[in-house]
Amino acid sequence: MISHFGTVVFAGGNYSRSSGSSNWKVQPIPGFGAPVGPPLGQVRVEFEQPLTTGYTVIISPERNESAPMLCANYGGTDDHKGFSVHLFEPVSTRTLQNGNFSFLVMTQDA
């Protein structure tokens, strides 16, 4: 069952919701010793309510001119309160890259 879904965009130096279900928000993640680090291709999707069952995240980055092969991975699901996303360019720069992405969360049937 799909429990959460949406699109996150990067504009004006920040990540924000663009569309999707109403039960999640975008949060910056700590970085470089600060509680809120610079975006640098990293962001956290926080669930309104923690999930009580296992779940799978599917992420699809939106390619752009500066990163035509933009990739994404996720982690940080241990607390069932959300997940962190890292966007990166795997070929030319091999570095984190800001960009837009869509996601959906599928939960196990109870």
N, C-alpha and C. Protein backbone atom coordinates (compact mmCIF):
# COMPACT_ATOMS: atom_id res chain seq x y z
N MET A 1 0.84 -1.17 0.00
CA MET A 1 0.00 0.00 0.00
C MET A 1 0.89 1.25 0.00
N ILE A 2 0.56 2.22 -0.82
CA ILE A 2 1.32 3.48 -0.87
C ILE A 2 0.86 4.36 0.28
N SER A 3 1.81 4.74 1.15
CA SER A 3 1.45 5.55 2.32
C SER A 3 1.85 7.02 2.16
N HIS A 4 2.93 7.29 1.44
CA HIS A 4 3.42 8.65 1.24
C HIS A 4 3.94 8.75 -0.20
N PHE A 5 3.79 9.93 -0.80
CA PHE A 5 4.35 10.14 -2.13
C PHE A 5 4.48 11.63 -2.39
N GLY A 6 5.36 11.98 -3.32
CA GLY A 6 5.47 13.39 -3.65
C GLY A 6 6.67 13.73 -4.48
N THR A 7 6.78 15.02 -4.76
CA THR A 7 7.89 15.59 -5.50
C THR A 7 8.52 16.69 -4.67
N VAL A 8 9.85 16.67 -4.60
CA VAL A 8 10.63 17.67 -3.88
C VAL A 8 11.45 18.42 -4.92
N VAL A 9 11.46 19.75 -4.81
CA VAL A 9 12.21 20.57 -5.77
C VAL A 9 13.28 21.38 -5.04
N PHE A 10 14.34 21.68 -5.77
CA PHE A 10 15.40 22.54 -5.27
C PHE A 10 15.35 23.84 -6.03
N ALA A 11 15.08 24.94 -5.33
CA ALA A 11 15.00 26.26 -5.97
C ALA A 11 15.38 27.32 -4.93
N GLY A 12 16.07 28.34 -5.38
CA GLY A 12 16.44 29.44 -4.48
C GLY A 12 17.34 29.00 -3.34
N GLY A 13 18.09 27.93 -3.54
CA GLY A 13 19.02 27.46 -2.51
C GLY A 13 18.42 26.57 -1.45
N ASN A 14 17.16 26.15 -1.64
CA ASN A 14 16.50 25.32 -0.64
C ASN A 14 15.66 24.23 -1.29
N TYR A 15 15.45 23.15 -0.52
CA TYR A 15 14.54 22.10 -0.94
C TYR A 15 13.15 22.40 -0.39
N SER A 16 12.10 22.09 -1.18
CA SER A 16 10.73 22.29 -0.70
C SER A 16 9.80 21.29 -1.39
N ARG A 17 8.63 21.10 -0.79
CA ARG A 17 7.59 20.25 -1.38
C ARG A 17 7.06 20.91 -2.64
N SER A 18 6.77 20.10 -3.63
CA SER A 18 6.12 20.62 -4.82
C SER A 18 4.71 20.04 -4.93
N SER A 19 4.59 18.74 -4.64
CA SER A 19 3.28 18.09 -4.73
C SER A 19 3.34 16.78 -3.96
N GLY A 20 2.17 16.16 -3.81
CA GLY A 20 2.12 14.84 -3.19
C GLY A 20 1.13 14.75 -2.05
N SER A 21 1.21 13.65 -1.32
CA SER A 21 0.32 13.46 -0.18
C SER A 21 0.65 14.50 0.90
N SER A 22 -0.27 14.73 1.80
CA SER A 22 -0.11 15.81 2.79
C SER A 22 0.52 15.34 4.10
N ASN A 23 1.02 14.11 4.16
CA ASN A 23 1.49 13.55 5.42
C ASN A 23 3.02 13.50 5.56
N TRP A 24 3.72 14.44 4.93
CA TRP A 24 5.18 14.51 5.04
C TRP A 24 5.65 15.94 4.83
N LYS A 25 6.90 16.21 5.23
CA LYS A 25 7.51 17.52 5.01
C LYS A 25 8.99 17.32 4.70
N VAL A 26 9.62 18.35 4.18
CA VAL A 26 11.03 18.33 3.83
C VAL A 26 11.80 19.05 4.94
N GLN A 27 12.89 18.42 5.39
CA GLN A 27 13.72 18.99 6.45
C GLN A 27 15.18 19.00 6.00
N PRO A 28 15.91 20.07 6.31
CA PRO A 28 17.35 20.02 6.07
C PRO A 28 17.98 19.01 7.04
N ILE A 29 19.15 18.49 6.68
CA ILE A 29 19.82 17.55 7.57
C ILE A 29 21.09 18.19 8.11
N PRO A 30 21.56 17.72 9.27
CA PRO A 30 22.80 18.29 9.83
C PRO A 30 23.97 18.07 8.89
N GLY A 31 24.94 18.96 8.96
CA GLY A 31 26.12 18.80 8.13
C GLY A 31 27.23 19.73 8.53
N PHE A 32 28.44 19.28 8.40
CA PHE A 32 29.64 20.06 8.70
C PHE A 32 29.60 20.63 10.12
N GLY A 33 29.10 19.83 11.05
CA GLY A 33 29.09 20.22 12.45
C GLY A 33 27.95 21.14 12.85
N ALA A 34 27.09 21.50 11.92
CA ALA A 34 25.96 22.39 12.23
C ALA A 34 24.66 21.58 12.27
N PRO A 35 23.68 21.99 13.11
CA PRO A 35 22.41 21.27 13.16
C PRO A 35 21.64 21.34 11.85
N VAL A 36 21.83 22.39 11.08
CA VAL A 36 21.24 22.50 9.74
C VAL A 36 22.38 22.81 8.79
N GLY A 37 22.75 21.80 8.01
CA GLY A 37 23.85 21.97 7.08
C GLY A 37 23.38 22.58 5.77
N PRO A 38 24.33 22.94 4.90
CA PRO A 38 23.95 23.43 3.58
C PRO A 38 23.30 22.30 2.78
N PRO A 39 22.43 22.61 1.81
CA PRO A 39 21.72 21.57 1.09
C PRO A 39 22.63 20.52 0.45
N LEU A 40 23.57 20.93 -0.37
CA LEU A 40 24.54 20.04 -0.99
C LEU A 40 24.03 18.65 -1.37
N GLY A 41 22.89 18.58 -2.00
CA GLY A 41 22.38 17.32 -2.49
C GLY A 41 21.89 16.38 -1.41
N GLN A 42 21.59 16.92 -0.23
CA GLN A 42 21.15 16.10 0.89
C GLN A 42 19.92 16.73 1.53
N VAL A 43 18.91 15.91 1.79
CA VAL A 43 17.68 16.42 2.41
C VAL A 43 16.98 15.25 3.10
N ARG A 44 16.12 15.56 4.04
CA ARG A 44 15.38 14.52 4.75
C ARG A 44 13.89 14.70 4.53
N VAL A 45 13.20 13.61 4.25
CA VAL A 45 11.74 13.59 4.16
C VAL A 45 11.24 13.04 5.49
N GLU A 46 10.47 13.84 6.22
CA GLU A 46 9.96 13.47 7.54
C GLU A 46 8.48 13.15 7.44
N PHE A 47 8.08 12.02 8.00
CA PHE A 47 6.67 11.63 8.03
C PHE A 47 5.96 12.39 9.15
N GLU A 48 4.70 12.73 8.91
CA GLU A 48 3.89 13.39 9.94
C GLU A 48 3.76 12.50 11.17
N GLN A 49 3.53 11.21 10.94
CA GLN A 49 3.45 10.21 12.01
C GLN A 49 4.41 9.08 11.68
N PRO A 50 5.19 8.59 12.68
CA PRO A 50 6.09 7.46 12.40
C PRO A 50 5.30 6.25 11.92
N LEU A 51 5.88 5.49 11.03
CA LEU A 51 5.24 4.26 10.56
C LEU A 51 5.44 3.16 11.60
N THR A 52 4.50 2.26 11.67
CA THR A 52 4.56 1.18 12.65
C THR A 52 4.91 -0.15 12.01
N THR A 53 5.18 -0.15 10.73
CA THR A 53 5.50 -1.36 10.00
C THR A 53 6.68 -1.09 9.07
N GLY A 54 7.25 -2.14 8.52
CA GLY A 54 8.33 -1.96 7.57
C GLY A 54 7.86 -1.24 6.31
N TYR A 55 8.80 -0.60 5.60
CA TYR A 55 8.43 0.11 4.39
C TYR A 55 9.57 0.14 3.39
N THR A 56 9.21 0.38 2.16
CA THR A 56 10.15 0.50 1.05
C THR A 56 10.02 1.89 0.45
N VAL A 57 11.15 2.50 0.11
CA VAL A 57 11.17 3.81 -0.53
C VAL A 57 11.64 3.64 -1.97
N ILE A 58 10.93 4.26 -2.89
CA ILE A 58 11.34 4.29 -4.29
C ILE A 58 11.56 5.75 -4.65
N ILE A 59 12.73 6.05 -5.18
CA ILE A 59 13.11 7.43 -5.51
C ILE A 59 13.49 7.52 -6.98
N SER A 60 13.07 8.62 -7.61
CA SER A 60 13.45 8.86 -9.00
C SER A 60 13.90 10.32 -9.13
N PRO A 61 15.20 10.55 -9.38
CA PRO A 61 15.67 11.93 -9.55
C PRO A 61 15.29 12.47 -10.92
N GLU A 62 15.13 13.77 -10.98
CA GLU A 62 14.84 14.45 -12.25
C GLU A 62 16.16 14.94 -12.84
N ARG A 63 16.48 14.46 -14.02
CA ARG A 63 17.74 14.90 -14.64
C ARG A 63 17.66 16.38 -14.97
N ASN A 64 18.81 17.04 -15.00
CA ASN A 64 18.86 18.45 -15.38
C ASN A 64 20.10 18.70 -16.23
N GLU A 65 20.24 19.92 -16.75
CA GLU A 65 21.33 20.23 -17.66
C GLU A 65 22.70 20.05 -17.02
N SER A 66 22.83 20.40 -15.75
CA SER A 66 24.14 20.30 -15.11
C SER A 66 24.44 18.88 -14.62
N ALA A 67 23.42 18.04 -14.55
CA ALA A 67 23.62 16.64 -14.12
C ALA A 67 22.66 15.74 -14.89
N PRO A 68 22.96 15.48 -16.17
CA PRO A 68 22.03 14.69 -16.98
C PRO A 68 21.90 13.23 -16.52
N MET A 69 22.83 12.77 -15.69
CA MET A 69 22.76 11.40 -15.19
C MET A 69 22.56 11.41 -13.67
N LEU A 70 21.79 12.37 -13.17
CA LEU A 70 21.58 12.52 -11.73
C LEU A 70 21.05 11.21 -11.14
N CYS A 71 21.63 10.82 -10.02
CA CYS A 71 21.23 9.60 -9.32
C CYS A 71 20.81 9.96 -7.89
N ALA A 72 20.08 9.06 -7.26
CA ALA A 72 19.65 9.28 -5.88
C ALA A 72 19.70 7.97 -5.12
N ASN A 73 20.02 8.07 -3.84
CA ASN A 73 19.87 6.93 -2.95
C ASN A 73 19.26 7.45 -1.65
N TYR A 74 18.83 6.53 -0.82
CA TYR A 74 18.21 6.93 0.44
C TYR A 74 18.72 6.05 1.57
N GLY A 75 18.53 6.52 2.78
CA GLY A 75 18.92 5.78 3.98
C GLY A 75 18.29 6.43 5.18
N GLY A 76 18.75 6.07 6.35
CA GLY A 76 18.25 6.68 7.58
C GLY A 76 16.80 6.34 7.87
N THR A 77 16.41 5.10 7.60
CA THR A 77 15.02 4.70 7.81
C THR A 77 14.81 4.01 9.15
N ASP A 78 15.85 3.84 9.93
CA ASP A 78 15.77 3.06 11.16
C ASP A 78 14.73 3.54 12.17
N ASP A 79 14.49 4.84 12.21
CA ASP A 79 13.56 5.37 13.21
C ASP A 79 12.10 5.35 12.76
N HIS A 80 11.83 4.93 11.52
CA HIS A 80 10.47 4.88 10.96
C HIS A 80 9.79 6.24 10.92
N LYS A 81 10.57 7.33 11.03
CA LYS A 81 10.02 8.68 11.00
C LYS A 81 10.27 9.38 9.67
N GLY A 82 10.96 8.72 8.77
CA GLY A 82 11.28 9.33 7.49
C GLY A 82 12.53 8.72 6.90
N PHE A 83 13.16 9.44 5.97
CA PHE A 83 14.37 8.95 5.32
C PHE A 83 15.17 10.12 4.77
N SER A 84 16.47 9.91 4.62
CA SER A 84 17.36 10.91 4.04
C SER A 84 17.62 10.55 2.59
N VAL A 85 17.77 11.58 1.76
CA VAL A 85 18.03 11.41 0.33
C VAL A 85 19.36 12.07 -0.01
N HIS A 86 20.19 11.39 -0.77
CA HIS A 86 21.42 11.95 -1.30
C HIS A 86 21.31 11.91 -2.82
N LEU A 87 21.49 13.06 -3.44
CA LEU A 87 21.49 13.18 -4.90
C LEU A 87 22.93 13.40 -5.35
N PHE A 88 23.34 12.72 -6.40
CA PHE A 88 24.72 12.85 -6.84
C PHE A 88 24.85 12.61 -8.33
N GLU A 89 25.95 13.11 -8.88
CA GLU A 89 26.27 12.95 -10.29
C GLU A 89 27.37 11.87 -10.35
N PRO A 90 27.07 10.69 -10.87
CA PRO A 90 27.99 9.56 -10.75
C PRO A 90 29.11 9.48 -11.79
N VAL A 91 29.07 10.30 -12.84
CA VAL A 91 30.01 10.10 -13.94
C VAL A 91 31.10 11.17 -13.97
N SER A 92 30.73 12.42 -14.25
CA SER A 92 31.77 13.43 -14.47
C SER A 92 32.34 13.99 -13.17
N THR A 93 31.50 14.45 -12.26
CA THR A 93 32.03 15.07 -11.04
C THR A 93 32.09 14.11 -9.86
N ARG A 94 31.22 13.11 -9.87
CA ARG A 94 31.13 12.14 -8.77
C ARG A 94 30.93 12.83 -7.42
N THR A 95 30.13 13.87 -7.43
CA THR A 95 29.88 14.61 -6.19
C THR A 95 28.39 14.77 -5.97
N LEU A 96 28.04 15.19 -4.75
CA LEU A 96 26.65 15.51 -4.44
C LEU A 96 26.21 16.64 -5.34
N GLN A 97 24.94 16.60 -5.74
CA GLN A 97 24.40 17.57 -6.69
C GLN A 97 22.96 17.89 -6.30
N ASN A 98 22.63 19.15 -6.12
CA ASN A 98 21.25 19.51 -5.82
C ASN A 98 20.37 19.25 -7.03
N GLY A 99 19.14 18.83 -6.78
CA GLY A 99 18.21 18.57 -7.87
C GLY A 99 16.85 18.15 -7.34
N ASN A 100 15.92 18.01 -8.25
CA ASN A 100 14.54 17.62 -7.91
C ASN A 100 14.42 16.09 -7.91
N PHE A 101 13.46 15.58 -7.15
CA PHE A 101 13.21 14.14 -7.17
C PHE A 101 11.77 13.86 -6.75
N SER A 102 11.30 12.70 -7.15
CA SER A 102 9.99 12.21 -6.73
C SER A 102 10.21 10.93 -5.94
N PHE A 103 9.25 10.62 -5.07
CA PHE A 103 9.39 9.42 -4.25
C PHE A 103 8.02 8.84 -3.94
N LEU A 104 8.01 7.58 -3.54
CA LEU A 104 6.83 6.98 -2.94
C LEU A 104 7.28 5.99 -1.90
N VAL A 105 6.45 5.83 -0.88
CA VAL A 105 6.72 4.93 0.23
C VAL A 105 5.63 3.86 0.23
N MET A 106 6.06 2.61 0.21
CA MET A 106 5.13 1.50 0.26
C MET A 106 5.30 0.77 1.59
N THR A 107 4.19 0.54 2.27
CA THR A 107 4.23 -0.17 3.54
C THR A 107 3.79 -1.61 3.37
N GLN A 108 4.18 -2.43 4.33
CA GLN A 108 3.75 -3.81 4.34
C GLN A 108 2.29 -3.85 4.78
N ASP A 109 1.55 -4.78 4.23
CA ASP A 109 0.17 -4.96 4.68
C ASP A 109 0.16 -5.48 6.10
N ALA A 110 -0.72 -4.93 6.92
CA ALA A 110 -0.79 -5.35 8.33
C ALA A 110 -1.56 -6.64 8.47
